[in-house]
């Protein structure tokens, strides 16, 4: 009675592979099946059965919920950004580069650093601080939880 009636079926069963034959009979062509399983062994058995019944594009995704904590953190501005450089533009001090190509590369790097310095100098002028405030995120130290797997496939 229910043959080829459904567009999709979702299974949350301890043995989803036992429902594949019935699910195939109920699904329309190109209908989707999805199963949630807490153990990878259940996923393997389910996927084997899906292949046996001709399902295609079988994909499994792990679902592990991790809670993250976000804080604003002040980091000191590196000296290369604030202008406290040891080697100045046009100086060979601290280098042993002698070829003209090496000198050009050094000048280009110095010009880029100066542009970055100007940008940071503007930030410092606005805030009066020589630090950068960023949002840092990390997972909580004690992650209590259990993983699970969602497996999707299409009926032929």
N, C-alpha and C. Protein backbone atom coordinates (compact mmCIF):
# COMPACT_ATOMS: atom_id res chain seq x y z
N UNK A 1 0.79 -1.19 0.00
CA UNK A 1 0.00 0.00 0.00
C UNK A 1 0.84 1.27 0.00
N UNK A 2 1.96 1.26 0.68
CA UNK A 2 2.79 2.46 0.83
C UNK A 2 3.97 2.46 -0.14
N UNK A 3 3.97 1.60 -1.12
CA UNK A 3 5.10 1.51 -2.03
C UNK A 3 5.29 2.79 -2.83
N UNK A 4 6.56 3.22 -2.92
CA UNK A 4 6.96 4.40 -3.69
C UNK A 4 6.17 5.65 -3.32
N UNK A 5 5.89 5.83 -2.05
CA UNK A 5 5.06 6.93 -1.59
C UNK A 5 5.87 8.07 -0.98
N UNK A 6 6.97 7.76 -0.32
CA UNK A 6 7.68 8.75 0.49
C UNK A 6 8.88 9.35 -0.22
N UNK A 7 9.11 10.65 0.05
CA UNK A 7 10.28 11.34 -0.49
C UNK A 7 11.51 11.09 0.38
N UNK A 8 11.30 10.90 1.68
CA UNK A 8 12.42 10.71 2.60
C UNK A 8 11.99 9.89 3.80
N UNK A 9 12.97 9.20 4.37
CA UNK A 9 12.74 8.41 5.58
C UNK A 9 13.91 8.66 6.53
N UNK A 10 13.57 8.88 7.79
CA UNK A 10 14.60 9.06 8.82
C UNK A 10 14.48 7.92 9.82
N UNK A 11 15.62 7.25 10.07
CA UNK A 11 15.65 6.13 11.00
C UNK A 11 16.49 6.48 12.22
N UNK A 12 15.97 6.18 13.39
CA UNK A 12 16.71 6.31 14.64
C UNK A 12 16.48 5.00 15.40
N UNK A 13 17.17 3.97 14.93
CA UNK A 13 16.95 2.62 15.43
C UNK A 13 18.29 1.98 15.82
N UNK A 14 18.27 1.03 16.74
CA UNK A 14 19.51 0.35 17.11
C UNK A 14 20.03 -0.56 15.98
N UNK A 15 19.15 -1.03 15.12
CA UNK A 15 19.55 -1.88 13.99
C UNK A 15 18.94 -1.36 12.69
N UNK A 16 19.40 -0.22 12.19
CA UNK A 16 18.78 0.39 11.02
C UNK A 16 18.91 -0.46 9.75
N UNK A 17 19.91 -1.31 9.68
CA UNK A 17 20.10 -2.14 8.49
C UNK A 17 18.94 -3.10 8.29
N UNK A 18 18.20 -3.43 9.35
CA UNK A 18 17.05 -4.32 9.21
C UNK A 18 15.86 -3.63 8.54
N UNK A 19 15.89 -2.30 8.47
CA UNK A 19 14.77 -1.55 7.88
C UNK A 19 15.04 -1.13 6.43
N UNK A 20 16.21 -1.45 5.89
CA UNK A 20 16.57 -0.97 4.55
C UNK A 20 15.64 -1.52 3.47
N UNK A 21 15.31 -2.81 3.52
CA UNK A 21 14.43 -3.41 2.50
C UNK A 21 13.06 -2.73 2.50
N UNK A 22 12.48 -2.53 3.68
CA UNK A 22 11.17 -1.88 3.78
C UNK A 22 11.25 -0.42 3.35
N UNK A 23 12.33 0.25 3.73
CA UNK A 23 12.51 1.66 3.35
C UNK A 23 12.61 1.79 1.84
N UNK A 24 13.32 0.88 1.20
CA UNK A 24 13.46 0.95 -0.26
C UNK A 24 12.09 0.81 -0.93
N UNK A 25 11.26 -0.08 -0.41
CA UNK A 25 9.93 -0.29 -0.99
C UNK A 25 9.05 0.95 -0.81
N UNK A 26 9.24 1.69 0.26
CA UNK A 26 8.39 2.87 0.55
C UNK A 26 8.87 4.13 -0.15
N UNK A 27 10.16 4.21 -0.48
CA UNK A 27 10.72 5.43 -1.06
C UNK A 27 10.46 5.54 -2.55
N UNK A 28 10.22 6.75 -3.01
CA UNK A 28 10.16 7.03 -4.45
C UNK A 28 11.55 6.93 -5.02
N UNK A 29 11.66 6.87 -6.33
CA UNK A 29 12.96 6.90 -7.00
C UNK A 29 13.66 8.20 -6.64
N UNK A 30 14.92 8.14 -6.30
CA UNK A 30 15.75 9.26 -5.85
C UNK A 30 15.33 9.78 -4.47
N UNK A 31 14.51 9.02 -3.75
CA UNK A 31 14.15 9.39 -2.38
C UNK A 31 15.36 9.25 -1.47
N UNK A 32 15.36 9.97 -0.36
CA UNK A 32 16.49 9.96 0.56
C UNK A 32 16.18 9.16 1.80
N UNK A 33 17.21 8.52 2.30
CA UNK A 33 17.12 7.84 3.58
C UNK A 33 18.22 8.41 4.46
N UNK A 34 17.90 8.56 5.73
CA UNK A 34 18.87 9.05 6.71
C UNK A 34 18.74 8.22 7.97
N UNK A 35 19.87 7.91 8.57
CA UNK A 35 19.86 7.16 9.82
C UNK A 35 20.82 7.79 10.81
N UNK A 36 20.38 7.86 12.07
CA UNK A 36 21.26 8.32 13.15
C UNK A 36 21.70 7.09 13.92
N UNK A 37 23.02 6.96 14.11
CA UNK A 37 23.57 5.84 14.87
C UNK A 37 24.67 6.35 15.80
N UNK A 38 24.66 5.91 17.05
CA UNK A 38 25.70 6.35 17.98
C UNK A 38 27.03 5.59 17.85
N UNK A 39 27.03 4.45 17.17
CA UNK A 39 28.25 3.63 17.07
C UNK A 39 28.65 3.41 15.60
N UNK A 40 29.94 3.44 15.35
CA UNK A 40 30.44 3.27 13.99
C UNK A 40 30.13 1.88 13.44
N UNK A 41 30.04 0.87 14.31
CA UNK A 41 29.70 -0.48 13.85
C UNK A 41 28.29 -0.52 13.27
N UNK A 42 27.37 0.24 13.85
CA UNK A 42 26.02 0.34 13.31
C UNK A 42 26.05 1.00 11.93
N UNK A 43 26.88 2.03 11.80
CA UNK A 43 27.03 2.73 10.52
C UNK A 43 27.54 1.78 9.45
N UNK A 44 28.55 1.00 9.80
CA UNK A 44 29.13 0.06 8.82
C UNK A 44 28.09 -0.96 8.34
N UNK A 45 27.34 -1.53 9.27
CA UNK A 45 26.32 -2.51 8.89
C UNK A 45 25.23 -1.86 8.04
N UNK A 46 24.83 -0.64 8.41
CA UNK A 46 23.81 0.08 7.65
C UNK A 46 24.29 0.38 6.23
N UNK A 47 25.53 0.87 6.11
CA UNK A 47 26.09 1.19 4.79
C UNK A 47 26.21 -0.05 3.91
N UNK A 48 26.62 -1.16 4.49
CA UNK A 48 26.71 -2.42 3.73
C UNK A 48 25.34 -2.81 3.18
N UNK A 49 24.31 -2.67 4.01
CA UNK A 49 22.96 -3.04 3.58
C UNK A 49 22.45 -2.07 2.50
N UNK A 50 22.75 -0.79 2.66
CA UNK A 50 22.36 0.19 1.64
C UNK A 50 22.97 -0.16 0.29
N UNK A 51 24.24 -0.49 0.29
CA UNK A 51 24.91 -0.89 -0.97
C UNK A 51 24.26 -2.14 -1.55
N UNK A 52 23.95 -3.08 -0.69
CA UNK A 52 23.32 -4.34 -1.13
C UNK A 52 22.00 -4.08 -1.83
N UNK A 53 21.26 -3.07 -1.40
CA UNK A 53 19.96 -2.75 -1.98
C UNK A 53 20.02 -1.67 -3.05
N UNK A 54 21.22 -1.30 -3.48
CA UNK A 54 21.37 -0.39 -4.61
C UNK A 54 21.26 1.09 -4.30
N UNK A 55 21.33 1.47 -3.05
CA UNK A 55 21.34 2.90 -2.72
C UNK A 55 22.67 3.49 -3.17
N UNK A 56 22.68 4.77 -3.48
CA UNK A 56 23.90 5.40 -3.97
C UNK A 56 24.16 6.73 -3.25
N UNK A 57 25.34 7.29 -3.50
CA UNK A 57 25.80 8.50 -2.81
C UNK A 57 25.64 8.36 -1.30
N UNK A 58 26.17 7.28 -0.78
CA UNK A 58 26.10 7.02 0.65
C UNK A 58 27.17 7.87 1.34
N UNK A 59 26.72 8.72 2.27
CA UNK A 59 27.62 9.62 2.98
C UNK A 59 27.32 9.58 4.48
N UNK A 60 28.37 9.60 5.28
CA UNK A 60 28.22 9.59 6.73
C UNK A 60 28.94 10.79 7.32
N UNK A 61 28.31 11.45 8.26
CA UNK A 61 28.88 12.61 8.95
C UNK A 61 28.86 12.35 10.45
N UNK A 62 29.96 12.68 11.10
CA UNK A 62 30.01 12.56 12.54
C UNK A 62 29.43 13.83 13.17
N UNK A 63 28.65 13.65 14.22
CA UNK A 63 28.02 14.78 14.91
C UNK A 63 28.53 14.80 16.34
N UNK A 64 29.51 15.64 16.60
CA UNK A 64 30.01 15.78 17.96
C UNK A 64 29.88 17.23 18.34
N UNK A 65 29.07 17.50 19.32
CA UNK A 65 28.84 18.86 19.76
C UNK A 65 29.98 19.30 20.66
N UNK A 66 30.65 20.38 20.28
CA UNK A 66 31.71 20.97 21.08
C UNK A 66 31.31 22.39 21.40
N UNK A 67 31.36 22.74 22.67
CA UNK A 67 31.06 24.11 23.05
C UNK A 67 32.36 24.90 23.06
N UNK A 68 32.34 26.07 22.44
CA UNK A 68 33.52 26.93 22.38
C UNK A 68 33.31 28.16 23.23
N UNK A 69 34.38 28.65 23.81
CA UNK A 69 34.33 29.85 24.62
C UNK A 69 35.10 30.94 23.87
N UNK A 70 34.54 32.12 23.78
CA UNK A 70 35.21 33.23 23.11
C UNK A 70 35.48 34.36 24.08
N UNK A 71 36.70 34.86 24.07
CA UNK A 71 37.10 35.97 24.94
C UNK A 71 37.82 37.02 24.12
N UNK A 72 37.73 38.27 24.56
CA UNK A 72 38.55 39.32 23.97
C UNK A 72 39.90 39.29 24.68
N UNK A 73 40.98 39.26 23.90
CA UNK A 73 42.33 39.16 24.44
C UNK A 73 43.17 40.29 23.87
N UNK A 74 43.96 40.95 24.72
CA UNK A 74 44.89 41.98 24.27
C UNK A 74 46.26 41.35 24.05
N UNK A 75 46.79 41.51 22.85
CA UNK A 75 48.12 41.04 22.54
C UNK A 75 49.01 42.25 22.30
N UNK A 76 50.25 42.23 22.83
CA UNK A 76 51.16 43.34 22.56
C UNK A 76 51.42 43.43 21.06
N UNK A 77 51.49 44.66 20.56
CA UNK A 77 51.77 44.86 19.15
C UNK A 77 53.24 44.52 18.90
N UNK A 78 53.53 43.66 17.92
CA UNK A 78 54.93 43.31 17.63
C UNK A 78 55.74 44.55 17.26
N UNK A 79 57.04 44.56 17.61
CA UNK A 79 57.88 45.73 17.36
C UNK A 79 57.96 46.08 15.88
N UNK A 80 57.85 45.09 14.99
CA UNK A 80 57.94 45.38 13.55
C UNK A 80 56.73 46.18 13.07
N UNK A 81 55.63 46.17 13.83
CA UNK A 81 54.45 46.93 13.43
C UNK A 81 54.46 48.32 14.07
N UNK A 82 55.01 48.44 15.28
CA UNK A 82 54.98 49.73 15.97
C UNK A 82 56.06 50.68 15.51
N UNK A 83 57.03 50.22 14.72
CA UNK A 83 58.07 51.10 14.22
C UNK A 83 59.38 50.96 14.95
N UNK A 84 59.49 50.05 15.89
CA UNK A 84 60.74 49.85 16.62
C UNK A 84 61.64 48.86 15.88
N UNK A 85 61.99 49.22 14.65
CA UNK A 85 62.78 48.32 13.80
C UNK A 85 64.25 48.51 14.06
N UNK A 86 65.01 47.44 13.92
CA UNK A 86 66.46 47.50 14.11
C UNK A 86 67.18 47.86 12.82
N UNK A 87 66.65 47.47 11.67
CA UNK A 87 67.28 47.76 10.38
C UNK A 87 66.40 48.78 9.68
N UNK A 88 66.96 49.91 9.32
CA UNK A 88 66.18 50.98 8.71
C UNK A 88 66.25 50.91 7.20
N UNK A 89 65.27 51.57 6.55
CA UNK A 89 65.19 51.61 5.09
C UNK A 89 66.50 52.11 4.48
N UNK A 90 67.02 51.35 3.50
CA UNK A 90 68.23 51.75 2.79
C UNK A 90 69.50 51.35 3.51
N UNK A 91 69.41 50.70 4.65
CA UNK A 91 70.60 50.32 5.42
C UNK A 91 70.92 48.85 5.18
N UNK A 92 72.20 48.54 5.10
CA UNK A 92 72.63 47.15 4.97
C UNK A 92 72.98 46.57 6.34
N UNK A 93 72.71 47.32 7.39
CA UNK A 93 73.06 46.90 8.73
C UNK A 93 72.34 45.60 9.08
N UNK A 94 73.11 44.64 9.56
CA UNK A 94 72.54 43.37 9.97
C UNK A 94 72.29 42.41 8.82
N UNK A 95 72.72 42.75 7.59
CA UNK A 95 72.54 41.85 6.46
C UNK A 95 73.85 41.69 5.74
N UNK A 96 73.96 40.62 4.99
CA UNK A 96 75.14 40.43 4.15
C UNK A 96 74.72 40.29 2.68
N UNK A 97 73.57 40.89 2.34
CA UNK A 97 73.08 40.83 0.97
C UNK A 97 73.88 41.81 0.12
N UNK A 98 74.35 41.34 -1.01
CA UNK A 98 75.17 42.23 -1.83
C UNK A 98 74.65 42.36 -3.25
N UNK A 99 73.84 41.41 -3.73
CA UNK A 99 73.37 41.50 -5.11
C UNK A 99 72.25 42.53 -5.23
N UNK A 100 72.08 43.07 -6.43
CA UNK A 100 71.05 44.10 -6.64
C UNK A 100 69.66 43.52 -6.47
N UNK A 101 69.44 42.24 -6.88
CA UNK A 101 68.12 41.61 -6.70
C UNK A 101 67.78 41.49 -5.22
N UNK A 102 68.77 41.08 -4.42
CA UNK A 102 68.54 40.96 -2.98
C UNK A 102 68.22 42.31 -2.38
N UNK A 103 68.90 43.35 -2.84
CA UNK A 103 68.65 44.70 -2.32
C UNK A 103 67.24 45.16 -2.67
N UNK A 104 66.79 44.85 -3.91
CA UNK A 104 65.44 45.23 -4.34
C UNK A 104 64.40 44.51 -3.48
N UNK A 105 64.61 43.21 -3.23
CA UNK A 105 63.68 42.46 -2.41
C UNK A 105 63.62 43.05 -1.00
N UNK A 106 64.79 43.41 -0.46
CA UNK A 106 64.84 43.99 0.88
C UNK A 106 64.10 45.33 0.91
N UNK A 107 64.29 46.15 -0.13
CA UNK A 107 63.60 47.44 -0.19
C UNK A 107 62.09 47.26 -0.28
N UNK A 108 61.63 46.25 -1.08
CA UNK A 108 60.20 45.98 -1.20
C UNK A 108 59.62 45.53 0.14
N UNK A 109 60.35 44.68 0.84
CA UNK A 109 59.89 44.23 2.16
C UNK A 109 59.82 45.40 3.14
N UNK A 110 60.82 46.26 3.07
CA UNK A 110 60.86 47.42 3.97
C UNK A 110 59.69 48.35 3.67
N UNK A 111 59.38 48.59 2.37
CA UNK A 111 58.26 49.44 2.00
C UNK A 111 56.95 48.85 2.52
N UNK A 112 56.79 47.52 2.39
CA UNK A 112 55.58 46.87 2.89
C UNK A 112 55.49 47.03 4.39
N UNK A 113 56.60 46.83 5.09
CA UNK A 113 56.62 47.00 6.55
C UNK A 113 56.25 48.42 6.94
N UNK A 114 56.73 49.42 6.18
CA UNK A 114 56.42 50.80 6.50
C UNK A 114 54.93 51.08 6.32
N UNK A 115 54.32 50.49 5.28
CA UNK A 115 52.88 50.64 5.07
C UNK A 115 52.13 50.05 6.26
N UNK A 116 52.55 48.85 6.69
CA UNK A 116 51.94 48.21 7.85
C UNK A 116 52.15 49.06 9.11
N UNK A 117 53.34 49.65 9.24
CA UNK A 117 53.64 50.50 10.39
C UNK A 117 52.73 51.72 10.42
N UNK A 118 52.52 52.34 9.25
CA UNK A 118 51.65 53.51 9.18
C UNK A 118 50.22 53.15 9.59
N UNK A 119 49.75 52.00 9.11
CA UNK A 119 48.40 51.55 9.45
C UNK A 119 48.28 51.33 10.96
N UNK A 120 49.27 50.66 11.53
CA UNK A 120 49.23 50.40 12.97
C UNK A 120 49.41 51.69 13.77
N UNK A 121 50.25 52.60 13.27
CA UNK A 121 50.45 53.88 13.96
C UNK A 121 49.13 54.63 14.07
N UNK A 122 48.29 54.54 13.02
CA UNK A 122 46.97 55.18 13.07
C UNK A 122 46.11 54.54 14.16
N UNK A 123 46.18 53.19 14.26
CA UNK A 123 45.41 52.51 15.30
C UNK A 123 45.87 52.94 16.68
N UNK A 124 47.18 53.04 16.86
CA UNK A 124 47.72 53.44 18.15
C UNK A 124 47.32 54.87 18.48
N UNK A 125 47.36 55.74 17.46
CA UNK A 125 46.99 57.14 17.67
C UNK A 125 45.53 57.24 18.11
N UNK A 126 44.65 56.37 17.56
CA UNK A 126 43.24 56.41 17.90
C UNK A 126 42.98 55.84 19.30
N UNK A 127 43.68 54.77 19.65
CA UNK A 127 43.40 54.09 20.91
C UNK A 127 44.36 54.47 22.02
N UNK A 128 45.54 54.98 21.69
CA UNK A 128 46.54 55.29 22.69
C UNK A 128 47.20 54.05 23.26
N UNK A 129 47.03 52.90 22.61
CA UNK A 129 47.58 51.64 23.11
C UNK A 129 48.49 51.02 22.08
N UNK A 130 49.49 50.31 22.55
CA UNK A 130 50.34 49.53 21.65
C UNK A 130 50.00 48.06 21.82
N UNK A 131 48.72 47.74 21.64
CA UNK A 131 48.28 46.34 21.69
C UNK A 131 47.13 46.17 20.71
N UNK A 132 46.89 44.93 20.37
CA UNK A 132 45.82 44.58 19.44
C UNK A 132 44.81 43.74 20.21
N UNK A 133 43.54 44.09 20.13
CA UNK A 133 42.51 43.31 20.79
C UNK A 133 41.85 42.40 19.77
N UNK A 134 41.86 41.10 20.06
CA UNK A 134 41.27 40.12 19.16
C UNK A 134 40.35 39.20 19.95
N UNK A 135 39.42 38.58 19.25
CA UNK A 135 38.56 37.57 19.87
C UNK A 135 39.23 36.22 19.67
N UNK A 136 39.54 35.57 20.77
CA UNK A 136 40.17 34.25 20.73
C UNK A 136 39.13 33.22 21.14
N UNK A 137 39.06 32.11 20.43
CA UNK A 137 38.12 31.05 20.78
C UNK A 137 38.88 29.76 21.01
N UNK A 138 38.33 28.95 21.89
CA UNK A 138 38.89 27.64 22.16
C UNK A 138 37.79 26.74 22.69
N UNK A 139 37.93 25.43 22.49
CA UNK A 139 36.93 24.53 23.06
C UNK A 139 37.07 24.51 24.59
N UNK A 140 35.97 24.28 25.26
CA UNK A 140 36.02 24.16 26.71
C UNK A 140 36.88 22.96 27.09
N UNK A 141 37.57 23.07 28.20
CA UNK A 141 38.53 22.04 28.60
C UNK A 141 37.88 20.68 28.84
N UNK A 142 36.76 20.66 29.50
CA UNK A 142 36.11 19.37 29.79
C UNK A 142 34.89 19.20 28.90
N UNK A 143 35.11 18.55 27.78
CA UNK A 143 34.02 18.33 26.83
C UNK A 143 33.33 17.03 27.20
N UNK A 144 32.15 17.14 27.74
CA UNK A 144 31.37 15.95 28.08
C UNK A 144 30.36 15.76 26.97
N UNK A 145 30.36 14.62 26.38
CA UNK A 145 29.41 14.38 25.30
C UNK A 145 29.64 13.03 24.67
N UNK A 146 28.82 12.75 23.72
CA UNK A 146 28.92 11.48 23.01
C UNK A 146 28.73 11.77 21.54
N UNK A 147 29.49 11.11 20.73
CA UNK A 147 29.39 11.34 19.30
C UNK A 147 28.20 10.56 18.73
N UNK A 148 27.89 10.85 17.51
CA UNK A 148 26.86 10.13 16.78
C UNK A 148 27.13 10.30 15.30
N UNK A 149 26.47 9.54 14.48
CA UNK A 149 26.73 9.56 13.04
C UNK A 149 25.40 9.65 12.29
N UNK A 150 25.37 10.53 11.29
CA UNK A 150 24.24 10.63 10.37
C UNK A 150 24.68 10.07 9.03
N UNK A 151 23.93 9.10 8.52
CA UNK A 151 24.24 8.49 7.23
C UNK A 151 23.10 8.80 6.28
N UNK A 152 23.45 9.29 5.10
CA UNK A 152 22.47 9.66 4.06
C UNK A 152 22.73 8.84 2.80
N UNK A 153 21.65 8.55 2.07
CA UNK A 153 21.78 7.85 0.79
C UNK A 153 20.54 8.13 -0.06
N UNK A 154 20.69 7.90 -1.36
CA UNK A 154 19.59 8.03 -2.32
C UNK A 154 19.15 6.64 -2.79
N UNK A 155 17.83 6.50 -3.01
CA UNK A 155 17.30 5.27 -3.60
C UNK A 155 17.40 5.37 -5.10
N UNK A 156 17.70 4.25 -5.73
CA UNK A 156 17.74 4.23 -7.21
C UNK A 156 16.34 4.32 -7.77
